[in-house]
C-alpha atoms as a PDB file:
ATOM      1  CA  MET A   1     158.828 146.285  45.269  1.00  0.00           C
ATOM      2  CA  SER A   2     156.893 147.666  48.198  1.00  0.00           C
ATOM      3  CA  ALA A   3     155.869 145.165  51.102  1.00  0.00           C
ATOM      4  CA  ARG A   4     152.364 143.951  51.660  1.00  0.00           C
ATOM      5  CA  ALA A   5     150.227 146.206  54.308  1.00  0.00           C
ATOM      6  CA  PHE A   6     148.764 144.404  57.199  1.00  0.00           C
ATOM      7  CA  SER A   7     145.187 143.739  56.438  1.00  0.00           C
ATOM      8  CA  LEU A   8     141.875 142.513  58.906  1.00  0.00           C
ATOM      9  CA  PRO A   9     139.323 140.704  57.747  1.00  0.00           C
ATOM     10  CA  ILE A  10     136.093 141.403  57.274  1.00  0.00           C
ATOM     11  CA  ARG A  11     134.053 139.654  59.887  1.00  0.00           C
ATOM     12  CA  ALA A  12     136.175 141.577  62.673  1.00  0.00           C
ATOM     13  CA  PHE A  13     134.448 144.529  61.865  1.00  0.00           C
ATOM     14  CA  SER A  14     131.147 143.369  61.109  1.00  0.00           C
ATOM     15  CA  ARG A  15     130.779 141.344  65.084  1.00  0.00           C
ATOM     16  CA  PRO A  16     131.207 142.963  68.477  1.00  0.00           C
ATOM     17  CA  GLN A  17     134.841 142.870  70.012  1.00  0.00           C
ATOM     18  CA  ILE A  18     133.464 141.064  73.288  1.00  0.00           C
ATOM     19  CA  ALA A  19     132.172 137.642  72.311  1.00  0.00           C
ATOM     20  CA  GLN A  20     128.837 136.763  74.405  1.00  0.00           C
ATOM     21  CA  GLN A  21     128.956 134.394  76.745  1.00  0.00           C
ATOM     22  CA  ALA A  22     126.517 131.231  76.059  1.00  0.00           C
ATOM     23  CA  GLU A  23     123.771 131.062  78.207  1.00  0.00           C
ATOM     24  CA  ARG A  24     124.143 128.558  81.372  1.00  0.00           C
ATOM     25  CA  TYR A  25     121.917 125.491  81.623  1.00  0.00           C
ATOM     26  CA  THR A  26     119.733 125.314  84.330  1.00  0.00           C
ATOM     27  CA  CYS A  27     118.075 121.853  85.099  1.00  0.00           C
ATOM     28  CA  ARG A  28     114.116 121.445  85.984  1.00  0.00           C
ATOM     29  CA  ARG A  29     114.648 120.721  89.896  1.00  0.00           C
ATOM     30  CA  CYS A  30     117.335 124.116  90.343  1.00  0.00           C
ATOM     31  CA  LEU A  31     114.735 126.485  88.541  1.00  0.00           C
ATOM     32  CA  HIS A  32     111.680 125.224  90.403  1.00  0.00           C
ATOM     33  CA  ALA A  33     113.461 125.490  93.447  1.00  0.00           C
ATOM     34  CA  SER A  34     115.116 129.262  92.928  1.00  0.00           C
ATOM     35  CA  SER A  35     111.785 130.409  91.925  1.00  0.00           C
ATOM     36  CA  GLN A  36     110.420 129.936  95.334  1.00  0.00           C
ATOM     37  CA  PRO A  37     110.916 132.966  97.668  1.00  0.00           C
ATOM     38  CA  ARG A  38     113.372 131.962 100.643  1.00  0.00           C
ATOM     39  CA  ALA A  39     110.605 134.156 102.451  1.00  0.00           C
ATOM     40  CA  GLN A  40     107.941 131.866 101.828  1.00  0.00           C
ATOM     41  CA  ALA A  41     110.623 128.618 102.401  1.00  0.00           C
ATOM     42  CA  GLU A  42     111.656 130.198 106.274  1.00  0.00           C
ATOM     43  CA  ALA A  43     107.572 131.000 106.817  1.00  0.00           C
ATOM     44  CA  ALA A  44     107.116 127.252 105.972  1.00  0.00           C
ATOM     45  CA  GLU A  45     109.293 125.647 108.243  1.00  0.00           C
ATOM     46  CA  THR A  46     108.850 128.149 111.460  1.00  0.00           C
ATOM     47  CA  THR A  47     104.765 127.147 110.947  1.00  0.00           C
ATOM     48  CA  ASP A  48     105.354 123.419 110.612  1.00  0.00           C
ATOM     49  CA  SER A  49     107.967 122.965 112.939  1.00  0.00           C
ATOM     50  CA  PRO A  50     106.870 121.035 115.664  1.00  0.00           C
ATOM     51  CA  ALA A  51     106.334 121.702 119.487  1.00  0.00           C
ATOM     52  CA  PRO A  52     109.622 121.363 121.355  1.00  0.00           C
ATOM     53  CA  THR A  53     109.572 118.401 123.846  1.00  0.00           C
ATOM     54  CA  SER A  54     112.486 116.591 125.617  1.00  0.00           C
ATOM     55  CA  THR A  55     113.647 114.889 122.833  1.00  0.00           C
ATOM     56  CA  SER A  56     114.506 117.985 121.029  1.00  0.00           C
ATOM     57  CA  ASP A  57     116.247 119.654 123.889  1.00  0.00           C
ATOM     58  CA  PRO A  58     120.292 119.425 122.934  1.00  0.00           C
ATOM     59  CA  SER A  59     120.833 118.101 126.567  1.00  0.00           C
ATOM     60  CA  TYR A  60     118.662 115.232 126.088  1.00  0.00           C
ATOM     61  CA  GLU A  61     120.967 112.028 125.847  1.00  0.00           C
ATOM     62  CA  PRO A  62     118.946 108.872 125.409  1.00  0.00           C
ATOM     63  CA  THR A  63     121.920 106.960 125.730  1.00  0.00           C
ATOM     64  CA  LEU A  64     122.661 107.361 129.340  1.00  0.00           C
ATOM     65  CA  THR A  65     121.592 105.606 132.188  1.00  0.00           C
ATOM     66  CA  PHE A  66     118.724 107.019 134.595  1.00  0.00           C
ATOM     67  CA  ALA A  67     121.749 107.765 137.129  1.00  0.00           C
ATOM     68  CA  GLN A  68     123.477 109.923 134.718  1.00  0.00           C
ATOM     69  CA  ARG A  69     120.666 111.656 133.190  1.00  0.00           C
ATOM     70  CA  GLY A  70     118.232 112.025 135.741  1.00  0.00           C
ATOM     71  CA  TYR A  71     114.769 112.209 133.263  1.00  0.00           C
ATOM     72  CA  ALA A  72     112.737 109.803 131.632  1.00  0.00           C
ATOM     73  CA  LEU A  73     113.044 108.650 128.136  1.00  0.00           C
ATOM     74  CA  SER A  74     110.349 108.909 125.528  1.00  0.00           C
ATOM     75  CA  LYS A  75     108.143 106.157 124.735  1.00  0.00           C
ATOM     76  CA  SER A  76     109.801 105.553 121.728  1.00  0.00           C
ATOM     77  CA  ASP A  77     113.422 104.982 122.936  1.00  0.00           C
ATOM     78  CA  ARG A  78     111.644 102.840 126.178  1.00  0.00           C
ATOM     79  CA  LEU A  79     110.429 100.345 123.546  1.00  0.00           C
ATOM     80  CA  VAL A  80     113.894 100.420 121.445  1.00  0.00           C
ATOM     81  CA  LYS A  81     115.825  99.754 124.662  1.00  0.00           C
ATOM     82  CA  ARG A  82     113.174  96.719 125.791  1.00  0.00           C
ATOM     83  CA  VAL A  83     114.671  93.608 124.753  1.00  0.00           C
ATOM     84  CA  LEU A  84     111.913  90.922 123.378  1.00  0.00           C
ATOM     85  CA  PRO A  85     112.019  87.286 123.566  1.00  0.00           C
ATOM     86  CA  HIS A  86     112.738  86.453 120.374  1.00  0.00           C
ATOM     87  CA  ASN A  87     115.313  87.782 117.831  1.00  0.00           C
ATOM     88  CA  VAL A  88     114.796  90.503 115.733  1.00  0.00           C
ATOM     89  CA  ARG A  89     115.377  91.094 112.185  1.00  0.00           C
ATOM     90  CA  PRO A  90     118.512  92.127 111.067  1.00  0.00           C
ATOM     91  CA  GLN A  91     117.525  94.755 108.897  1.00  0.00           C
ATOM     92  CA  LEU A  92     115.293  96.294 111.461  1.00  0.00           C
ATOM     93  CA  LEU A  93     118.529  96.290 113.573  1.00  0.00           C
ATOM     94  CA  GLN A  94     121.336  97.488 111.021  1.00  0.00           C
ATOM     95  CA  HIS A  95     121.040 101.210 111.085  1.00  0.00           C
ATOM     96  CA  VAL A  96     119.942 101.621 114.456  1.00  0.00           C
ATOM     97  CA  GLU A  97     122.950 103.090 116.954  1.00  0.00           C
ATOM     98  CA  PRO A  98     124.128 100.112 119.221  1.00  0.00           C
ATOM     99  CA  ALA A  99     124.460 102.563 122.400  1.00  0.00           C
ATOM    100  CA  MET A 100     120.211 102.905 122.216  1.00  0.00           C
ATOM    101  CA  LEU A 101     119.888  99.024 122.298  1.00  0.00           C
ATOM    102  CA  GLN A 102     120.477  96.440 125.057  1.00  0.00           C
ATOM    103  CA  GLY A 103     121.592  92.800 125.618  1.00  0.00           C
ATOM    104  CA  ARG A 104     122.041  89.944 123.020  1.00  0.00           C
ATOM    105  CA  GLU A 105     120.383  93.306 119.846  1.00  0.00           C
ATOM    106  CA  ARG A 106     123.201  95.489 121.026  1.00  0.00           C
ATOM    107  CA  GLU A 107     125.616  92.731 120.377  1.00  0.00           C
ATOM    108  CA  ALA A 108     124.044  91.348 117.185  1.00  0.00           C
ATOM    109  CA  VAL A 109     124.260  95.075 116.237  1.00  0.00           C
ATOM    110  CA  GLU A 110     127.833  95.376 116.693  1.00  0.00           C
ATOM    111  CA  LYS A 111     128.511  92.355 114.760  1.00  0.00           C
ATOM    112  CA  MET A 112     126.783  93.620 111.860  1.00  0.00           C
ATOM    113  CA  HIS A 113     128.496  95.511 108.507  1.00  0.00           C
ATOM    114  CA  LYS A 114     126.758  98.316 107.251  1.00  0.00           C
ATOM    115  CA  HIS A 115     125.823  97.853 103.530  1.00  0.00           C
ATOM    116  CA  HIS A 116     127.023 100.416 101.135  1.00  0.00           C
ATOM    117  CA  GLU A 117     124.940 103.611 100.685  1.00  0.00           C
ATOM    118  CA  ILE A 118     121.616 103.495  98.232  1.00  0.00           C
ATOM    119  CA  VAL A 119     120.586 106.493  96.347  1.00  0.00           C
ATOM    120  CA  GLY A 120     117.927 106.786  93.661  1.00  0.00           C
ATOM    121  CA  VAL A 121     115.525 109.369  92.088  1.00  0.00           C
ATOM    122  CA  VAL A 122     111.881 108.902  92.645  1.00  0.00           C
ATOM    123  CA  VAL A 123     109.999 108.291  89.149  1.00  0.00           C
ATOM    124  CA  ARG A 124     106.690 107.565  90.013  1.00  0.00           C
ATOM    125  CA  THR A 125     104.040 108.375  93.385  1.00  0.00           C
ATOM    126  CA  GLY A 126     100.674 107.772  94.296  1.00  0.00           C
ATOM    127  CA  LYS A 127     100.189 104.761  92.381  1.00  0.00           C
ATOM    128  CA  MET A 128      99.888 102.660  95.930  1.00  0.00           C
ATOM    129  CA  ASP A 129      99.924 104.390  99.405  1.00  0.00           C
ATOM    130  CA  LYS A 130     103.114 104.528 101.174  1.00  0.00           C
ATOM    131  CA  THR A 131     104.481 102.869  97.924  1.00  0.00           C
ATOM    132  CA  VAL A 132     106.930 105.020  95.501  1.00  0.00           C
ATOM    133  CA  SER A 133     108.826 103.587  92.703  1.00  0.00           C
ATOM    134  CA  VAL A 134     112.696 104.706  92.946  1.00  0.00           C
ATOM    135  CA  ARG A 135     115.329 104.472  90.336  1.00  0.00           C
ATOM    136  CA  VAL A 136     119.014 103.743  91.231  1.00  0.00           C
ATOM    137  CA  ALA A 137     121.850 104.242  88.788  1.00  0.00           C
ATOM    138  CA  GLY A 138     124.115 101.063  88.219  1.00  0.00           C
ATOM    139  CA  GLN A 139     125.533  99.002  85.735  1.00  0.00           C
ATOM    140  CA  ARG A 140     125.345  96.657  83.138  1.00  0.00           C
ATOM    141  CA  TYR A 141     127.511  93.841  82.123  1.00  0.00           C
ATOM    142  CA  GLU A 142     127.501  92.741  78.080  1.00  0.00           C
ATOM    143  CA  PRO A 143     128.978  89.272  78.094  1.00  0.00           C
ATOM    144  CA  ARG A 144     129.470  89.571  73.993  1.00  0.00           C
ATOM    145  CA  ILE A 145     131.602  92.885  74.421  1.00  0.00           C
ATOM    146  CA  GLY A 146     133.258  92.437  77.453  1.00  0.00           C
ATOM    147  CA  LYS A 147     132.357  95.916  78.771  1.00  0.00           C
ATOM    148  CA  TYR A 148     130.002  97.421  81.386  1.00  0.00           C
ATOM    149  CA  PHE A 149     127.355  99.601  80.279  1.00  0.00           C
ATOM    150  CA  ALA A 150     125.089 102.713  82.584  1.00  0.00           C
ATOM    151  CA  ASP A 151     121.880 101.133  83.488  1.00  0.00           C
ATOM    152  CA  HIS A 152     119.130 101.271  86.242  1.00  0.00           C
ATOM    153  CA  THR A 153     117.202  99.761  88.424  1.00  0.00           C
ATOM    154  CA  THR A 154     113.665 100.891  89.481  1.00  0.00           C
ATOM    155  CA  HIS A 155     113.257  99.662  93.023  1.00  0.00           C
ATOM    156  CA  LEU A 156     109.295  99.728  94.991  1.00  0.00           C
ATOM    157  CA  VAL A 157     110.183 101.887  98.228  1.00  0.00           C
ATOM    158  CA  HIS A 158     108.144 101.638 101.261  1.00  0.00           C
ATOM    159  CA  ASP A 159     107.202 105.701 102.339  1.00  0.00           C
ATOM    160  CA  PRO A 160     105.858 105.341 105.754  1.00  0.00           C
ATOM    161  CA  ASN A 161     104.188 108.702 105.565  1.00  0.00           C
ATOM    162  CA  ASN A 162     103.891 109.708 102.017  1.00  0.00           C
ATOM    163  CA  SER A 163     106.480 112.100 102.487  1.00  0.00           C
ATOM    164  CA  LEU A 164     108.158 111.922  99.432  1.00  0.00           C
ATOM    165  CA  ALA A 165     107.252 113.598  96.073  1.00  0.00           C
ATOM    166  CA  GLN A 166     108.272 113.074  92.137  1.00  0.00           C
ATOM    167  CA  GLY A 167     111.846 113.984  91.327  1.00  0.00           C
ATOM    168  CA  ASP A 168     113.263 113.655  94.487  1.00  0.00           C
ATOM    169  CA  VAL A 169     116.745 112.388  95.397  1.00  0.00           C
ATOM    170  CA  VAL A 170     116.480 109.764  98.389  1.00  0.00           C
ATOM    171  CA  SER A 171     118.674 107.500 100.786  1.00  0.00           C
ATOM    172  CA  LEU A 172     117.450 104.330 100.943  1.00  0.00           C
ATOM    173  CA  HIS A 173     117.741 101.395 103.429  1.00  0.00           C
ATOM    174  CA  ARG A 174     116.996  97.644 102.973  1.00  0.00           C
ATOM    175  CA  LEU A 175     114.037  96.673 104.749  1.00  0.00           C
ATOM    176  CA  ARG A 176     111.303  93.734 103.208  1.00  0.00           C
ATOM    177  CA  VAL A 177     108.103  95.093 103.791  1.00  0.00           C
ATOM    178  CA  SER A 178     106.170  92.903 101.433  1.00  0.00           C
ATOM    179  CA  SER A 179     106.952  90.132  98.802  1.00  0.00           C
ATOM    180  CA  ALA A 180     107.245  92.743  96.280  1.00  0.00           C
ATOM    181  CA  VAL A 181     108.401  95.715  98.527  1.00  0.00           C
ATOM    182  CA  HIS A 182     112.202  95.344  99.755  1.00  0.00           C
ATOM    183  CA  HIS A 183     113.425  98.992 100.582  1.00  0.00           C
ATOM    184  CA  VAL A 184     112.291 101.861 103.200  1.00  0.00           C
ATOM    185  CA  VAL A 185     113.072 105.511 102.557  1.00  0.00           C
ATOM    186  CA  ALA A 186     115.712 106.140 105.099  1.00  0.00           C
ATOM    187  CA  SER A 187     116.135 110.144 104.315  1.00  0.00           C
ATOM    188  CA  ILE A 188     115.656 112.814 101.376  1.00  0.00           C
ATOM    189  CA  VAL A 189     119.047 113.951 100.059  1.00  0.00           C
ATOM    190  CA  THR A 190     117.942 116.655  98.087  1.00  0.00           C
ATOM    191  CA  PRO A 191     113.549 117.775  97.906  1.00  0.00           C
ATOM    192  CA  PHE A 192     112.360 118.760  94.215  1.00  0.00           C
ATOM    193  CA  GLY A 193     109.850 121.515  95.253  1.00  0.00           C
ATOM    194  CA  THR A 194     107.942 121.364  98.413  1.00  0.00           C
ATOM    195  CA  PRO A 195     110.804 121.690 101.332  1.00  0.00           C
ATOM    196  CA  ILE A 196     111.806 119.287 103.747  1.00  0.00           C
ATOM    197  CA  ALA A 197     110.103 121.121 106.448  1.00  0.00           C
ATOM    198  CA  SER A 198     106.842 121.455 105.042  1.00  0.00           C
ATOM    199  CA  ARG A 199     106.211 117.405 104.618  1.00  0.00           C
ATOM    200  CA  PRO A 200     105.821 114.479 106.859  1.00  0.00           C
ATOM    201  CA  PRO A 201     108.461 113.683 108.728  1.00  0.00           C
ATOM    202  CA  ILE A 202     110.618 110.295 107.606  1.00  0.00           C
ATOM    203  CA  PRO A 203     111.005 107.627 110.509  1.00  0.00           C
ATOM    204  CA  SER A 204     114.650 106.928 111.603  1.00  0.00           C
ATOM    205  CA  PRO A 205     115.746 103.226 112.259  1.00  0.00           C
ATOM    206  CA  GLU A 206     115.144 103.635 115.660  1.00  0.00           C
ATOM    207  CA  GLU A 207     111.597 104.969 114.902  1.00  0.00           C
ATOM    208  CA  ARG A 208     111.076 101.908 113.151  1.00  0.00           C
ATOM    209  CA  LEU A 209     112.350  99.573 115.361  1.00  0.00           C
ATOM    210  CA  ALA A 210     110.266 101.036 117.840  1.00  0.00           C
ATOM    211  CA  ALA A 211     106.884 100.768 115.903  1.00  0.00           C
ATOM    212  CA  TYR A 212     107.663  97.113 115.463  1.00  0.00           C
ATOM    213  CA  LYS A 213     108.173  96.768 118.990  1.00  0.00           C
ATOM    214  CA  ALA A 214     104.941  98.644 120.183  1.00  0.00           C
ATOM    215  CA  ALA A 215     103.205  96.152 117.677  1.00  0.00           C
ATOM    216  CA  ARG A 216     104.655  92.972 118.728  1.00  0.00           C
ATOM    217  CA  LEU A 217     104.808  93.247 122.342  1.00  0.00           C
ATOM    218  CA  PRO A 218     101.033  93.244 123.122  1.00  0.00           C
ATOM    219  CA  LYS A 219     100.798  89.971 121.332  1.00  0.00           C
ATOM    220  CA  LEU A 220     103.905  88.432 123.351  1.00  0.00           C
ATOM    221  CA  HIS A 221     101.838  89.617 126.457  1.00  0.00           C
ATOM    222  CA  ARG A 222      98.736  87.843 125.254  1.00  0.00           C
ATOM    223  CA  ARG A 223     100.560  84.797 124.113  1.00  0.00           C
ATOM    224  CA  THR A 224     102.052  84.622 127.617  1.00  0.00           C
ATOM    225  CA  LEU A 225      98.242  85.181 129.698  1.00  0.00           C
ATOM    226  CA  ARG A 226      96.402  82.432 127.071  1.00  0.00           C
ATOM    227  CA  ARG A 227      99.657  80.169 128.122  1.00  0.00           C
ATOM    228  CA  GLU A 228      99.093  80.977 132.335  1.00  0.00           C
ATOM    229  CA  ALA A 229      95.438  80.486 131.662  1.00  0.00           C
ATOM    230  CA  ALA A 230      96.034  77.145 130.122  1.00  0.00           C
ATOM    231  CA  MET A 231      97.784  76.216 133.213  1.00  0.00           C
ATOM    232  CA  GLY A 232      94.891  77.379 135.356  1.00  0.00           C
ATOM    233  CA  SER A 233      95.906  81.058 136.456  1.00  0.00           C
ATOM    234  CA  ALA A 234      93.244  82.898 137.775  1.00  0.00           C
ATOM    235  CA  ALA A 235      94.439  86.197 137.152  1.00  0.00           C
ATOM    236  CA  ALA A 236      95.603  85.435 133.480  1.00  0.00           C
ATOM    237  CA  ILE A 237      92.135  83.957 132.966  1.00  0.00           C
ATOM    238  CA  ALA A 238      90.471  87.296 134.408  1.00  0.00           C
ATOM    239  CA  GLU A 239      92.530  89.387 131.996  1.00  0.00           C
ATOM    240  CA  LEU A 240      92.136  87.593 129.418  1.00  0.00           C
ATOM    241  CA  LYS A 241      88.038  88.022 129.442  1.00  0.00           C
ATOM    242  CA  ALA A 242      88.658  91.662 130.233  1.00  0.00           C
ATOM    243  CA  MET A 243      90.284  92.074 127.148  1.00  0.00           C
ATOM    244  CA  GLY A 244      87.479  90.652 125.371  1.00  0.00           C
ATOM    245  CA  LEU A 245      89.273  87.486 124.599  1.00  0.00           C
ATOM    246  CA  ASP A 246      88.395  83.631 125.315  1.00  0.00           C
ATOM    247  CA  PRO A 247      90.751  81.840 127.958  1.00  0.00           C
ATOM    248  CA  GLY A 248      90.774  78.657 125.957  1.00  0.00           C
ATOM    249  CA  ALA A 249      87.848  75.751 125.772  1.00  0.00           C
ATOM    250  CA  GLY A 250      87.109  74.417 129.705  1.00  0.00           C
ATOM    251  CA  VAL A 251      89.706  76.605 131.410  1.00  0.00           C
ATOM    252  CA  ALA A 252      88.934  77.491 134.664  1.00  0.00           C
ATOM    253  CA  PRO A 253      90.630  78.853 138.117  1.00  0.00           C
ATOM    254  CA  GLY A 254      92.512  75.798 139.313  1.00  0.00           C
ATOM    255  CA  ALA A 255      91.910  73.908 136.655  1.00  0.00           C
ATOM    256  CA  GLY A 256      93.923  74.004 133.021  1.00  0.00           C
ATOM    257  CA  GLU A 257      92.823  73.801 129.435  1.00  0.00           C
ATOM    258  CA  THR A 258      91.850  69.698 129.044  1.00  0.00           C
ATOM    259  CA  VAL A 259      90.455  69.796 125.154  1.00  0.00           C
ATOM    260  CA  GLY A 260      93.159  68.951 122.720  1.00  0.00           C
ATOM    261  CA  THR A 261      95.336  67.436 125.022  1.00  0.00           C
ATOM    262  CA  GLU A 262      96.720  63.914 125.461  1.00  0.00           C
ATOM    263  CA  LYS A 263      94.316  61.606 127.526  1.00  0.00           C
ATOM    264  CA  GLY A 264      95.263  61.258 130.878  1.00  0.00           C
ATOM    265  CA  ALA A 265      97.725  63.870 131.052  1.00  0.00           C
ATOM    266  CA  GLY A 266      98.671  64.914 134.449  1.00  0.00           C
ATOM    267  CA  LYS A 267      97.839  61.974 135.938  1.00  0.00           C
ATOM    268  CA  LYS A 268      99.623  59.064 137.062  1.00  0.00           C
ATOM    269  CA  ARG A 269      99.440  56.071 134.746  1.00  0.00           C
ATOM    270  CA  THR A 270     100.384  52.507 134.578  1.00  0.00           C
ATOM    271  CA  PRO A 271     101.419  50.345 131.934  1.00  0.00           C
ATOM    272  CA  ALA A 272      98.465  48.959 131.597  1.00  0.00           C
ATOM    273  CA  LYS A 273      96.332  51.775 131.474  1.00  0.00           C
ATOM    274  CA  GLY A 274      98.323  53.640 128.795  1.00  0.00           C
ATOM    275  CA  ALA A 275     102.019  54.677 129.926  1.00  0.00           C
ATOM    276  CA  LEU A 276     103.689  55.425 126.780  1.00  0.00           C
ATOM    277  CA  LEU A 277     107.261  55.033 128.221  1.00  0.00           C
ATOM    278  CA  GLY A 278     108.747  53.642 131.015  1.00  0.00           C
ATOM    279  CA  SER A 279     110.669  54.778 133.604  1.00  0.00           C
ATOM    280  CA  LYS A 280     113.545  53.761 135.683  1.00  0.00           C
ATOM    281  CA  GLY A 281     112.777  51.070 137.910  1.00  0.00           C
ATOM    282  CA  GLN A 282     109.285  50.543 136.828  1.00  0.00           C
ATOM    283  CA  LYS A 283     107.811  47.003 137.641  1.00  0.00           C
ATOM    284  CA  LEU A 284     106.153  45.816 134.202  1.00  0.00           C
ATOM    285  CA  PRO A 285     102.942  42.861 134.261  1.00  0.00           C
ATOM    286  CA  GLU A 286     104.798  39.769 132.831  1.00  0.00           C
ATOM    287  CA  GLY A 287     104.448  39.596 129.372  1.00  0.00           C
ATOM    288  CA  VAL A 288     103.407  43.525 128.194  1.00  0.00           C
ATOM    289  CA  LEU A 289     105.829  46.521 127.398  1.00  0.00           C
ATOM    290  CA  PRO A 290     105.751  49.633 128.610  1.00  0.00           C
ATOM    291  CA  GLY A 291     103.242  51.000 125.902  1.00  0.00           C
ATOM    292  CA  GLY A 292     100.766  48.079 127.589  1.00  0.00           C
ATOM    293  CA  LYS A 293      99.879  46.751 124.002  1.00  0.00           C
ATOM    294  CA  HIS A 294     102.359  44.168 122.519  1.00  0.00           C
ATOM    295  CA  GLU A 295     102.651  41.168 124.824  1.00  0.00           C
ATOM    296  CA  VAL A 296     106.853  40.149 125.177  1.00  0.00           C
ATOM    297  CA  GLY A 297     106.899  36.556 123.387  1.00  0.00           C
ATOM    298  CA  LYS A 298     109.884  34.267 122.973  1.00  0.00           C
ATOM    299  CA  ILE A 299     112.643  34.925 120.176  1.00  0.00           C
ATOM    300  CA  ASP A 300     112.155  31.841 118.401  1.00  0.00           C
ATOM    301  CA  ALA A 301     108.690  32.457 117.989  1.00  0.00           C
ATOM    302  CA  ARG A 302     109.303  36.253 116.506  1.00  0.00           C
ATOM    303  CA  ALA A 303     111.685  34.721 114.215  1.00  0.00           C
ATOM    304  CA  LYS A 304     109.641  31.912 112.941  1.00  0.00           C
ATOM    305  CA  HIS A 305     106.839  34.678 112.296  1.00  0.00           C
ATOM    306  CA  ASN A 306     108.612  37.001 110.583  1.00  0.00           C
ATOM    307  CA  LYS A 307     110.322  34.090 108.974  1.00  0.00           C
ATOM    308  CA  GLU A 308     107.014  33.198 107.220  1.00  0.00           C
ATOM    309  CA  ALA A 309     105.830  36.679 106.526  1.00  0.00           C
ATOM    310  CA  THR A 310     109.160  37.047 104.137  1.00  0.00           C
ATOM    311  CA  VAL A 311     108.352  33.678 102.097  1.00  0.00           C
ATOM    312  CA  LYS A 312     104.767  34.779 101.567  1.00  0.00           C
ATOM    313  CA  ARG A 313     105.946  38.215 100.068  1.00  0.00           C
ATOM    314  CA  GLN A 314     108.507  36.594  97.836  1.00  0.00           C
ATOM    315  CA  GLU A 315     106.065  33.636  96.955  1.00  0.00           C
ATOM    316  CA  LYS A 316     103.269  36.527  95.773  1.00  0.00           C
ATOM    317  CA  ALA A 317     106.276  38.520  93.756  1.00  0.00           C
ATOM    318  CA  GLY A 318     107.004  35.003  91.813  1.00  0.00           C
ATOM    319  CA  GLU A 319     103.598  34.976  90.886  1.00  0.00           C
ATOM    320  CA  ASN A 320     103.255  38.527  89.864  1.00  0.00           C
ATOM    321  CA  LEU A 321     106.359  37.808  87.588  1.00  0.00           C
ATOM    322  CA  ARG A 322     104.520  34.756  86.112  1.00  0.00           C
ATOM    323  CA  GLU A 323     101.274  36.571  85.185  1.00  0.00           C
ATOM    324  CA  ALA A 324     103.350  39.695  83.624  1.00  0.00           C
ATOM    325  CA  GLN A 325     105.446  36.599  81.239  1.00  0.00           C
ATOM    326  CA  GLU A 326     102.070  35.304  80.107  1.00  0.00           C
ATOM    327  CA  VAL A 327     100.381  38.475  79.186  1.00  0.00           C
ATOM    328  CA  GLN A 328     103.835  40.001  77.391  1.00  0.00           C
ATOM    329  CA  LYS A 329     103.657  36.422  75.244  1.00  0.00           C
ATOM    330  CA  GLY A 330     100.161  36.880  74.593  1.00  0.00           C
ATOM    331  CA  LEU A 331     100.680  40.659  73.256  1.00  0.00           C
ATOM    332  CA  ASP A 332     103.439  39.192  71.170  1.00  0.00           C
ATOM    333  CA  GLY A 333     101.433  36.351  69.671  1.00  0.00           C
ATOM    334  CA  GLN A 334      99.033  38.968  68.626  1.00  0.00           C
ATOM    335  CA  GLY A 335     101.978  41.444  67.420  1.00  0.00           C
ATOM    336  CA  LEU A 336     101.091  44.412  69.579  1.00  0.00           C
ATOM    337  CA  GLU A 337     103.613  45.831  72.298  1.00  0.00           C
ATOM    338  CA  GLY A 338     103.160  46.114  75.942  1.00  0.00           C
ATOM    339  CA  ARG A 339     104.426  49.325  77.989  1.00  0.00           C
END
C-alpha cells in the first residue's frame, strides 16, 4: 500500500504569502501634532520669542551676592529677595529655589518637604477667565469588594495668563487662589495643538512670589505711613496727602490722632481723674481704689452686704419653687399636664 502524498490546504494559496501588518493606532493628539509642518513651528518660536534681556544671559545668576556678580538684578528677583515683615503662606514659598530667598523665608523653605508631582489633563477651558478644569487620575477604594479601582478627580486650576488649551497634559502646584480654586498650573508637560512657544508664558514659582510681594509691599508702606501720621509725623502726613489718602481725623503735624482714642491718653492722670491702673509707689486718697470709682470699706461691712444679697437670692428661689408647685397642682386637678 502506497504512502499518502504530502498536501497543503487550499487557503494557503488563496491568501498572499506575506501577512499584512495591522495598521498602528495613532491617538488624536499625536496625529494633530504631526500634521503641522515643523518649519511653521520653528518660525513661530523664532517670531514669538521674547527679546533678549539680562535674565536670558547664560552668565546671569541671581543667587550670587552683588560683590560676586557685579550687575543689578531684575525687578522680579529683587522682589523675591525682599523679606516681608510677616509670614508668607507656605504654598507660595514651597517651590521657590531656597538660594533666591533670604532670612526667615529661606529657613522656612529649607524645612519644607516637597509634595509629589500632580499631573493631569485639561478637559475644559473658556468657562471662566484664568481658570480651567483639569482631570487627575487616581484610585478609588471599594470597601465592599476590598479592592482599588481606577478613578479620577477634576480640579479647578488657576491659569494666570490663559496659556492652556483643552487636551494639554499639565503639572500642577497647590495654591489656594479662591474658595473653589486650590491649584495653579506649574508647567505644560505635553501641549495639544499650539506649540508652547506660541502661547503666553506660565509664571514660575519665583514670579508668583514676586507678584504677591509687589501687591503686598505698597499696602505695608501705607500702613506704616498711617501709623506714623497718627503719631504726628509731618513727612508721613504729607506723603499720604500726596497719594490722595486721608491721613486720619484730627491729624496734624506735631499732633497725633485723637478720634477713637481713650479719654486723657498721653496725659498724666491721677486716681480721681480716671486713672485705670495703679503704679509702684502711687499715693491714693483715703478710701479710693486706683480706678477712682469704688470706695474701700471695711471687710465686715462687705461681708455683711454679700450675705444679705445671698439670703435675698435664696428667698426668691424658694418663692419661685412654691409658685411652680401650686401651678402644677392646679393643672393636675384639671387633668392637664404641664411641660
